[in-house]
């Protein structure tokens, strides 16, 4: 079986910790985390069609290289 290649800086341990964090959150903690994300200064949350995500990710990656 072929192992997946992880993004730079990610390890299986880190992924398991992240998964455990979200699986063990209470509903109240989930709501608080979402509300916090929407209220951060200097960031904007938008809804876009899923089919546009690959293009948006590419644009963001290109911008980060500049």
PDB file of N, CA and C in Angstrom:
ATOM      1  N   UNK A   1       0.843  -1.178   0.000  1.00  0.00           N
ATOM      2  CA  UNK A   1       0.000   0.000   0.000  1.00  0.00           C
ATOM      3  C   UNK A   1       0.891   1.245   0.000  1.00  0.00           C
ATOM      4  N   UNK A   2       0.543   2.214  -0.823  1.00  0.00           N
ATOM      5  CA  UNK A   2       1.312   3.452  -0.945  1.00  0.00           C
ATOM      6  C   UNK A   2       0.937   4.405   0.183  1.00  0.00           C
ATOM      7  N   UNK A   3       1.954   4.957   0.862  1.00  0.00           N
ATOM      8  CA  UNK A   3       1.704   5.937   1.927  1.00  0.00           C
ATOM      9  C   UNK A   3       1.460   7.306   1.309  1.00  0.00           C
ATOM     10  N   UNK A   4       0.552   8.035   1.920  1.00  0.00           N
ATOM     11  CA  UNK A   4       0.284   9.390   1.455  1.00  0.00           C
ATOM     12  C   UNK A   4       1.454  10.293   1.809  1.00  0.00           C
ATOM     13  N   UNK A   5       1.707  11.247   0.941  1.00  0.00           N
ATOM     14  CA  UNK A   5       2.726  12.245   1.215  1.00  0.00           C
ATOM     15  C   UNK A   5       2.072  13.382   1.992  1.00  0.00           C
ATOM     16  N   UNK A   6       2.626  13.691   3.154  1.00  0.00           N
ATOM     17  CA  UNK A   6       2.064  14.738   4.002  1.00  0.00           C
ATOM     18  C   UNK A   6       2.628  16.103   3.613  1.00  0.00           C
ATOM     19  N   UNK A   7       1.854  17.146   3.851  1.00  0.00           N
ATOM     20  CA  UNK A   7       2.368  18.494   3.595  1.00  0.00           C
ATOM     21  C   UNK A   7       3.594  18.769   4.470  1.00  0.00           C
ATOM     22  N   UNK A   8       4.445  19.657   4.018  1.00  0.00           N
ATOM     23  CA  UNK A   8       5.654  20.006   4.752  1.00  0.00           C
ATOM     24  C   UNK A   8       5.308  20.434   6.179  1.00  0.00           C
ATOM     25  N   UNK A   9       6.006  19.859   7.147  1.00  0.00           N
ATOM     26  CA  UNK A   9       5.800  20.207   8.540  1.00  0.00           C
ATOM     27  C   UNK A   9       4.741  19.368   9.237  1.00  0.00           C
ATOM     28  N   UNK A  10       4.021  18.546   8.506  1.00  0.00           N
ATOM     29  CA  UNK A  10       2.974  17.709   9.095  1.00  0.00           C
ATOM     30  C   UNK A  10       3.519  16.308   9.342  1.00  0.00           C
ATOM     31  N   UNK A  11       3.114  15.734  10.457  1.00  0.00           N
ATOM     32  CA  UNK A  11       3.479  14.359  10.799  1.00  0.00           C
ATOM     33  C   UNK A  11       2.202  13.603  11.131  1.00  0.00           C
ATOM     34  N   UNK A  12       2.315  12.299  11.154  1.00  0.00           N
ATOM     35  CA  UNK A  12       1.144  11.507  11.530  1.00  0.00           C
ATOM     36  C   UNK A  12       0.693  11.865  12.944  1.00  0.00           C
ATOM     37  N   UNK A  13       1.652  12.124  13.835  1.00  0.00           N
ATOM     38  CA  UNK A  13       1.318  12.495  15.209  1.00  0.00           C
ATOM     39  C   UNK A  13       0.512  13.798  15.221  1.00  0.00           C
ATOM     40  N   UNK A  14       0.939  14.777  14.456  1.00  0.00           N
ATOM     41  CA  UNK A  14       0.244  16.064  14.408  1.00  0.00           C
ATOM     42  C   UNK A  14      -1.185  15.888  13.885  1.00  0.00           C
ATOM     43  N   UNK A  15      -1.342  15.061  12.876  1.00  0.00           N
ATOM     44  CA  UNK A  15      -2.665  14.811  12.307  1.00  0.00           C
ATOM     45  C   UNK A  15      -3.565  14.135  13.332  1.00  0.00           C
ATOM     46  N   UNK A  16      -3.038  13.152  14.057  1.00  0.00           N
ATOM     47  CA  UNK A  16      -3.827  12.461  15.078  1.00  0.00           C
ATOM     48  C   UNK A  16      -4.233  13.421  16.206  1.00  0.00           C
ATOM     49  N   UNK A  17      -3.336  14.333  16.587  1.00  0.00           N
ATOM     50  CA  UNK A  17      -3.655  15.310  17.626  1.00  0.00           C
ATOM     51  C   UNK A  17      -4.755  16.253  17.163  1.00  0.00           C
ATOM     52  N   UNK A  18      -4.674  16.704  15.933  1.00  0.00           N
ATOM     53  CA  UNK A  18      -5.686  17.601  15.375  1.00  0.00           C
ATOM     54  C   UNK A  18      -7.041  16.891  15.300  1.00  0.00           C
ATOM     55  N   UNK A  19      -7.028  15.664  14.835  1.00  0.00           N
ATOM     56  CA  UNK A  19      -8.254  14.887  14.755  1.00  0.00           C
ATOM     57  C   UNK A  19      -8.871  14.697  16.146  1.00  0.00           C
ATOM     58  N   UNK A  20      -8.046  14.369  17.117  1.00  0.00           N
ATOM     59  CA  UNK A  20      -8.539  14.179  18.487  1.00  0.00           C
ATOM     60  C   UNK A  20      -9.130  15.474  19.035  1.00  0.00           C
ATOM     61  N   UNK A  21      -8.488  16.605  18.729  1.00  0.00           N
ATOM     62  CA  UNK A  21      -8.986  17.902  19.183  1.00  0.00           C
ATOM     63  C   UNK A  21     -10.418  18.122  18.703  1.00  0.00           C
ATOM     64  N   UNK A  22     -10.643  17.938  17.415  1.00  0.00           N
ATOM     65  CA  UNK A  22     -11.963  18.211  16.861  1.00  0.00           C
ATOM     66  C   UNK A  22     -12.992  17.148  17.229  1.00  0.00           C
ATOM     67  N   UNK A  23     -12.574  15.906  17.351  1.00  0.00           N
ATOM     68  CA  UNK A  23     -13.511  14.848  17.729  1.00  0.00           C
ATOM     69  C   UNK A  23     -13.967  14.980  19.177  1.00  0.00           C
ATOM     70  N   UNK A  24     -13.156  15.600  20.022  1.00  0.00           N
ATOM     71  CA  UNK A  24     -13.478  15.704  21.440  1.00  0.00           C
ATOM     72  C   UNK A  24     -14.066  17.056  21.847  1.00  0.00           C
ATOM     73  N   UNK A  25     -14.274  17.955  20.884  1.00  0.00           N
ATOM     74  CA  UNK A  25     -14.854  19.256  21.203  1.00  0.00           C
ATOM     75  C   UNK A  25     -16.335  19.118  21.532  1.00  0.00           C
ATOM     76  N   UNK A  26     -16.772  19.889  22.504  1.00  0.00           N
ATOM     77  CA  UNK A  26     -18.209  19.959  22.786  1.00  0.00           C
ATOM     78  C   UNK A  26     -18.847  20.855  21.731  1.00  0.00           C
ATOM     79  N   UNK A  27     -20.167  20.815  21.666  1.00  0.00           N
ATOM     80  CA  UNK A  27     -20.874  21.663  20.708  1.00  0.00           C
ATOM     81  C   UNK A  27     -20.614  23.141  21.015  1.00  0.00           C
ATOM     82  N   UNK A  28     -20.568  23.487  22.293  1.00  0.00           N
ATOM     83  CA  UNK A  28     -20.304  24.876  22.690  1.00  0.00           C
ATOM     84  C   UNK A  28     -18.909  25.319  22.249  1.00  0.00           C
ATOM     85  N   UNK A  29     -17.926  24.429  22.375  1.00  0.00           N
ATOM     86  CA  UNK A  29     -16.559  24.752  21.953  1.00  0.00           C
ATOM     87  C   UNK A  29     -16.489  24.931  20.442  1.00  0.00           C
ATOM     88  N   UNK A  30     -17.235  24.106  19.703  1.00  0.00           N
ATOM     89  CA  UNK A  30     -17.268  24.240  18.246  1.00  0.00           C
ATOM     90  C   UNK A  30     -17.840  25.590  17.838  1.00  0.00           C
ATOM     91  N   UNK A  31     -18.944  25.977  18.467  1.00  0.00           N
ATOM     92  CA  UNK A  31     -19.578  27.264  18.158  1.00  0.00           C
ATOM     93  C   UNK A  31     -18.628  28.411  18.479  1.00  0.00           C
ATOM     94  N   UNK A  32     -17.975  28.354  19.632  1.00  0.00           N
ATOM     95  CA  UNK A  32     -17.046  29.416  20.028  1.00  0.00           C
ATOM     96  C   UNK A  32     -15.892  29.528  19.038  1.00  0.00           C
ATOM     97  N   UNK A  33     -15.387  28.398  18.570  1.00  0.00           N
ATOM     98  CA  UNK A  33     -14.277  28.423  17.609  1.00  0.00           C
ATOM     99  C   UNK A  33     -14.717  29.044  16.291  1.00  0.00           C
ATOM    100  N   UNK A  34     -15.913  28.696  15.831  1.00  0.00           N
ATOM    101  CA  UNK A  34     -16.411  29.275  14.585  1.00  0.00           C
ATOM    102  C   UNK A  34     -16.651  30.779  14.731  1.00  0.00           C
ATOM    103  N   UNK A  35     -17.240  31.183  15.832  1.00  0.00           N
ATOM    104  CA  UNK A  35     -17.483  32.608  16.055  1.00  0.00           C
ATOM    105  C   UNK A  35     -16.175  33.384  16.125  1.00  0.00           C
ATOM    106  N   UNK A  36     -15.178  32.797  16.742  1.00  0.00           N
ATOM    107  CA  UNK A  36     -13.871  33.437  16.839  1.00  0.00           C
ATOM    108  C   UNK A  36     -13.255  33.640  15.455  1.00  0.00           C
ATOM    109  N   UNK A  37     -13.392  32.646  14.602  1.00  0.00           N
ATOM    110  CA  UNK A  37     -12.830  32.742  13.253  1.00  0.00           C
ATOM    111  C   UNK A  37     -13.477  33.874  12.463  1.00  0.00           C
ATOM    112  N   UNK A  38     -14.766  34.082  12.661  1.00  0.00           N
ATOM    113  CA  UNK A  38     -15.478  35.126  11.920  1.00  0.00           C
ATOM    114  C   UNK A  38     -15.219  36.525  12.474  1.00  0.00           C
ATOM    115  N   UNK A  39     -14.656  36.632  13.664  1.00  0.00           N
ATOM    116  CA  UNK A  39     -14.455  37.957  14.250  1.00  0.00           C
ATOM    117  C   UNK A  39     -12.994  38.413  14.260  1.00  0.00           C
ATOM    118  N   UNK A  40     -12.101  37.662  13.638  1.00  0.00           N
ATOM    119  CA  UNK A  40     -10.688  38.051  13.611  1.00  0.00           C
ATOM    120  C   UNK A  40     -10.479  39.270  12.727  1.00  0.00           C
ATOM    121  N   UNK A  41      -9.696  40.196  13.233  1.00  0.00           N
ATOM    122  CA  UNK A  41      -9.371  41.395  12.459  1.00  0.00           C
ATOM    123  C   UNK A  41      -8.406  41.033  11.333  1.00  0.00           C
ATOM    124  N   UNK A  42      -8.584  41.689  10.208  1.00  0.00           N
ATOM    125  CA  UNK A  42      -7.674  41.486   9.088  1.00  0.00           C
ATOM    126  C   UNK A  42      -7.964  40.237   8.273  1.00  0.00           C
ATOM    127  N   UNK A  43      -9.059  39.546   8.582  1.00  0.00           N
ATOM    128  CA  UNK A  43      -9.441  38.362   7.831  1.00  0.00           C
ATOM    129  C   UNK A  43     -10.905  38.463   7.450  1.00  0.00           C
ATOM    130  N   UNK A  44     -11.234  37.889   6.307  1.00  0.00           N
ATOM    131  CA  UNK A  44     -12.607  37.893   5.836  1.00  0.00           C
ATOM    132  C   UNK A  44     -13.021  36.472   5.502  1.00  0.00           C
ATOM    133  N   UNK A  45     -14.201  36.098   5.974  1.00  0.00           N
ATOM    134  CA  UNK A  45     -14.744  34.780   5.665  1.00  0.00           C
ATOM    135  C   UNK A  45     -15.773  34.963   4.549  1.00  0.00           C
ATOM    136  N   UNK A  46     -15.661  34.134   3.514  1.00  0.00           N
ATOM    137  CA  UNK A  46     -16.618  34.212   2.421  1.00  0.00           C
ATOM    138  C   UNK A  46     -17.076  32.805   2.047  1.00  0.00           C
ATOM    139  N   UNK A  47     -18.203  32.747   1.411  1.00  0.00           N
ATOM    140  CA  UNK A  47     -18.726  31.489   0.898  1.00  0.00           C
ATOM    141  C   UNK A  47     -18.531  31.491  -0.610  1.00  0.00           C
ATOM    142  N   UNK A  48     -17.929  30.424  -1.121  1.00  0.00           N
ATOM    143  CA  UNK A  48     -17.710  30.319  -2.561  1.00  0.00           C
ATOM    144  C   UNK A  48     -18.143  28.929  -3.026  1.00  0.00           C
ATOM    145  N   UNK A  49     -18.507  28.801  -4.284  1.00  0.00           N
ATOM    146  CA  UNK A  49     -18.860  27.481  -4.798  1.00  0.00           C
ATOM    147  C   UNK A  49     -17.661  26.523  -4.693  1.00  0.00           C
ATOM    148  N   UNK A  50     -17.927  25.320  -4.280  1.00  0.00           N
ATOM    149  CA  UNK A  50     -16.870  24.322  -4.084  1.00  0.00           C
ATOM    150  C   UNK A  50     -16.037  24.111  -5.335  1.00  0.00           C
ATOM    151  N   UNK A  51     -16.674  24.165  -6.493  1.00  0.00           N
ATOM    152  CA  UNK A  51     -15.927  23.919  -7.729  1.00  0.00           C
ATOM    153  C   UNK A  51     -14.866  24.991  -7.994  1.00  0.00           C
ATOM    154  N   UNK A  52     -14.961  26.147  -7.323  1.00  0.00           N
ATOM    155  CA  UNK A  52     -13.956  27.206  -7.509  1.00  0.00           C
ATOM    156  C   UNK A  52     -12.757  27.068  -6.567  1.00  0.00           C
ATOM    157  N   UNK A  53     -12.846  26.197  -5.579  1.00  0.00           N
ATOM    158  CA  UNK A  53     -11.768  26.084  -4.598  1.00  0.00           C
ATOM    159  C   UNK A  53     -10.395  25.792  -5.204  1.00  0.00           C
ATOM    160  N   UNK A  54     -10.271  24.870  -6.158  1.00  0.00           N
ATOM    161  CA  UNK A  54      -8.932  24.648  -6.729  1.00  0.00           C
ATOM    162  C   UNK A  54      -8.314  25.918  -7.315  1.00  0.00           C
ATOM    163  N   UNK A  55      -9.115  26.700  -8.012  1.00  0.00           N
ATOM    164  CA  UNK A  55      -8.618  27.957  -8.592  1.00  0.00           C
ATOM    165  C   UNK A  55      -8.245  28.952  -7.502  1.00  0.00           C
ATOM    166  N   UNK A  56      -9.071  29.073  -6.485  1.00  0.00           N
ATOM    167  CA  UNK A  56      -8.798  30.003  -5.381  1.00  0.00           C
ATOM    168  C   UNK A  56      -7.524  29.604  -4.653  1.00  0.00           C
ATOM    169  N   UNK A  57      -7.361  28.313  -4.387  1.00  0.00           N
ATOM    170  CA  UNK A  57      -6.137  27.839  -3.722  1.00  0.00           C
ATOM    171  C   UNK A  57      -4.902  28.161  -4.559  1.00  0.00           C
ATOM    172  N   UNK A  58      -5.014  27.968  -5.881  1.00  0.00           N
ATOM    173  CA  UNK A  58      -3.881  28.278  -6.759  1.00  0.00           C
ATOM    174  C   UNK A  58      -3.565  29.770  -6.724  1.00  0.00           C
ATOM    175  N   UNK A  59      -4.580  30.596  -6.788  1.00  0.00           N
ATOM    176  CA  UNK A  59      -4.357  32.045  -6.720  1.00  0.00           C
ATOM    177  C   UNK A  59      -3.682  32.454  -5.412  1.00  0.00           C
ATOM    178  N   UNK A  60      -4.136  31.884  -4.307  1.00  0.00           N
ATOM    179  CA  UNK A  60      -3.531  32.194  -3.015  1.00  0.00           C
ATOM    180  C   UNK A  60      -2.078  31.716  -2.940  1.00  0.00           C
ATOM    181  N   UNK A  61      -1.822  30.531  -3.459  1.00  0.00           N
ATOM    182  CA  UNK A  61      -0.453  30.003  -3.461  1.00  0.00           C
ATOM    183  C   UNK A  61       0.454  30.872  -4.316  1.00  0.00           C
ATOM    184  N   UNK A  62      -0.047  31.292  -5.490  1.00  0.00           N
ATOM    185  CA  UNK A  62       0.737  32.173  -6.363  1.00  0.00           C
ATOM    186  C   UNK A  62       1.026  33.501  -5.679  1.00  0.00           C
ATOM    187  N   UNK A  63       0.049  34.046  -4.986  1.00  0.00           N
ATOM    188  CA  UNK A  63       0.204  35.325  -4.299  1.00  0.00           C
ATOM    189  C   UNK A  63       1.229  35.204  -3.172  1.00  0.00           C
ATOM    190  N   UNK A  64       1.233  34.054  -2.478  1.00  0.00           N
ATOM    191  CA  UNK A  64       2.162  33.843  -1.374  1.00  0.00           C
ATOM    192  C   UNK A  64       3.607  33.785  -1.853  1.00  0.00           C
ATOM    193  N   UNK A  65       3.816  33.386  -3.099  1.00  0.00           N
ATOM    194  CA  UNK A  65       5.174  33.300  -3.654  1.00  0.00           C
ATOM    195  C   UNK A  65       5.725  34.655  -4.062  1.00  0.00           C
ATOM    196  N   UNK A  66       4.857  35.635  -4.210  1.00  0.00           N
ATOM    197  CA  UNK A  66       5.280  36.976  -4.690  1.00  0.00           C
ATOM    198  C   UNK A  66       5.931  37.756  -3.566  1.00  0.00           C
TER     199      UNK A  66
END
